[in-house]
C-alpha atoms as a PDB file:
ATOM      1  CA  UNK A   1     101.610  89.736  89.138  1.00  0.00           C
ATOM      2  CA  UNK A   2      98.637  91.252  88.101  1.00  0.00           C
ATOM      3  CA  UNK A   3      98.892  94.040  85.669  1.00  0.00           C
ATOM      4  CA  UNK A   4      95.463  95.367  86.637  1.00  0.00           C
ATOM      5  CA  UNK A   5      96.727  96.494  89.744  1.00  0.00           C
ATOM      6  CA  UNK A   6     100.215  96.360  89.688  1.00  0.00           C
ATOM      7  CA  UNK A   7     101.249  99.873  88.118  1.00  0.00           C
ATOM      8  CA  UNK A   8     104.542 101.720  87.654  1.00  0.00           C
ATOM      9  CA  UNK A   9     106.198 103.445  90.129  1.00  0.00           C
ATOM     10  CA  UNK A  10     109.191 104.536  88.275  1.00  0.00           C
ATOM     11  CA  UNK A  11     111.130 104.195  85.054  1.00  0.00           C
ATOM     12  CA  UNK A  12     114.595 105.058  83.910  1.00  0.00           C
ATOM     13  CA  UNK A  13     116.414 105.022  81.052  1.00  0.00           C
ATOM     14  CA  UNK A  14     119.658 103.472  81.479  1.00  0.00           C
ATOM     15  CA  UNK A  15     121.913 101.645  78.740  1.00  0.00           C
ATOM     16  CA  UNK A  16     119.812 101.614  76.093  1.00  0.00           C
ATOM     17  CA  UNK A  17     116.951  99.830  78.182  1.00  0.00           C
ATOM     18  CA  UNK A  18     114.020 101.512  79.909  1.00  0.00           C
ATOM     19  CA  UNK A  19     113.689 100.045  83.326  1.00  0.00           C
ATOM     20  CA  UNK A  20     110.346  99.715  84.911  1.00  0.00           C
ATOM     21  CA  UNK A  21     109.688  99.204  88.818  1.00  0.00           C
ATOM     22  CA  UNK A  22     106.052  98.512  89.500  1.00  0.00           C
ATOM     23  CA  UNK A  23     104.295  99.029  92.911  1.00  0.00           C
ATOM     24  CA  UNK A  24     104.848  95.207  93.984  1.00  0.00           C
ATOM     25  CA  UNK A  25     108.636  96.124  93.493  1.00  0.00           C
ATOM     26  CA  UNK A  26     108.985  93.807  90.068  1.00  0.00           C
ATOM     27  CA  UNK A  27     111.267  94.801  87.493  1.00  0.00           C
ATOM     28  CA  UNK A  28     110.398  95.317  83.773  1.00  0.00           C
ATOM     29  CA  UNK A  29     113.288  96.108  81.115  1.00  0.00           C
ATOM     30  CA  UNK A  30     113.053  96.454  77.557  1.00  0.00           C
ATOM     31  CA  UNK A  31     115.768  97.949  75.042  1.00  0.00           C
ATOM     32  CA  UNK A  32     114.930 101.149  73.670  1.00  0.00           C
ATOM     33  CA  UNK A  33     116.324  99.665  70.017  1.00  0.00           C
ATOM     34  CA  UNK A  34     113.039  97.236  69.542  1.00  0.00           C
ATOM     35  CA  UNK A  35     110.553 100.260  69.339  1.00  0.00           C
ATOM     36  CA  UNK A  36     110.966 102.346  66.252  1.00  0.00           C
ATOM     37  CA  UNK A  37     109.602 105.451  67.634  1.00  0.00           C
ATOM     38  CA  UNK A  38     111.745 105.335  70.754  1.00  0.00           C
ATOM     39  CA  UNK A  39     115.065 104.255  69.039  1.00  0.00           C
ATOM     40  CA  UNK A  40     114.720 107.795  66.953  1.00  0.00           C
ATOM     41  CA  UNK A  41     114.274 109.338  69.906  1.00  0.00           C
ATOM     42  CA  UNK A  42     116.996 111.912  71.882  1.00  0.00           C
ATOM     43  CA  UNK A  43     118.221 111.083  75.360  1.00  0.00           C
ATOM     44  CA  UNK A  44     116.085 113.959  76.455  1.00  0.00           C
ATOM     45  CA  UNK A  45     113.062 113.009  74.660  1.00  0.00           C
ATOM     46  CA  UNK A  46     113.348 109.443  76.042  1.00  0.00           C
ATOM     47  CA  UNK A  47     113.840 110.582  79.656  1.00  0.00           C
ATOM     48  CA  UNK A  48     110.830 112.865  79.396  1.00  0.00           C
ATOM     49  CA  UNK A  49     108.728 109.788  80.379  1.00  0.00           C
ATOM     50  CA  UNK A  50     104.989 110.074  82.079  1.00  0.00           C
ATOM     51  CA  UNK A  51     103.782 107.146  83.881  1.00  0.00           C
ATOM     52  CA  UNK A  52      99.841 106.336  84.058  1.00  0.00           C
ATOM     53  CA  UNK A  53      98.277 103.074  86.018  1.00  0.00           C
ATOM     54  CA  UNK A  54      98.669 101.257  82.714  1.00  0.00           C
ATOM     55  CA  UNK A  55     101.863 101.877  81.517  1.00  0.00           C
ATOM     56  CA  UNK A  56     104.332 104.694  80.313  1.00  0.00           C
ATOM     57  CA  UNK A  57     103.877 107.562  77.469  1.00  0.00           C
ATOM     58  CA  UNK A  58     106.730 109.522  75.794  1.00  0.00           C
ATOM     59  CA  UNK A  59     104.942 113.020  74.699  1.00  0.00           C
ATOM     60  CA  UNK A  60     107.644 114.341  72.612  1.00  0.00           C
ATOM     61  CA  UNK A  61     107.423 111.304  70.427  1.00  0.00           C
ATOM     62  CA  UNK A  62     103.956 110.443  70.947  1.00  0.00           C
ATOM     63  CA  UNK A  63     104.354 106.786  71.771  1.00  0.00           C
ATOM     64  CA  UNK A  64     102.611 104.602  74.789  1.00  0.00           C
ATOM     65  CA  UNK A  65     103.666 101.444  76.005  1.00  0.00           C
ATOM     66  CA  UNK A  66     101.344  99.247  78.291  1.00  0.00           C
ATOM     67  CA  UNK A  67     102.349  97.017  81.202  1.00  0.00           C
ATOM     68  CA  UNK A  68     100.610  94.037  79.611  1.00  0.00           C
ATOM     69  CA  UNK A  69     102.484  94.798  76.190  1.00  0.00           C
ATOM     70  CA  UNK A  70     105.762  94.679  77.825  1.00  0.00           C
ATOM     71  CA  UNK A  71     105.053  91.772  79.634  1.00  0.00           C
ATOM     72  CA  UNK A  72     103.962  89.926  76.392  1.00  0.00           C
ATOM     73  CA  UNK A  73     106.935  90.839  74.740  1.00  0.00           C
ATOM     74  CA  UNK A  74     105.331  93.304  72.411  1.00  0.00           C
ATOM     75  CA  UNK A  75     107.601  96.699  72.849  1.00  0.00           C
ATOM     76  CA  UNK A  76     105.576  98.824  70.270  1.00  0.00           C
ATOM     77  CA  UNK A  77     105.555  99.206  66.812  1.00  0.00           C
ATOM     78  CA  UNK A  78     106.720  95.811  66.369  1.00  0.00           C
ATOM     79  CA  UNK A  79     106.331  94.227  62.924  1.00  0.00           C
ATOM     80  CA  UNK A  80     106.084  90.630  64.492  1.00  0.00           C
ATOM     81  CA  UNK A  81     102.811  91.388  66.383  1.00  0.00           C
ATOM     82  CA  UNK A  82     100.704  91.943  63.112  1.00  0.00           C
ATOM     83  CA  UNK A  83      96.804  91.714  63.569  1.00  0.00           C
ATOM     84  CA  UNK A  84      95.579  88.074  62.576  1.00  0.00           C
ATOM     85  CA  UNK A  85      93.964  89.432  59.580  1.00  0.00           C
ATOM     86  CA  UNK A  86      96.833  91.550  58.339  1.00  0.00           C
END
């Protein structure tokens, strides 16, 4: 799957997970609990997602997730993904 050409078609919150369907029909999932900003959000805030060609944005929570990051297991604000020179 080429994430440069495979954009999100839809995204929903279900059972504590964000489920993303890509234009290719592939489905990605990640747990809300793995992202501190999302984990603190209300159901209403979490359901207010905006799609872009490159990922998702939660305006109420000031959080963005790229498709590339999700594919790489980085669900945002995650301590295990520190820069090499940190």
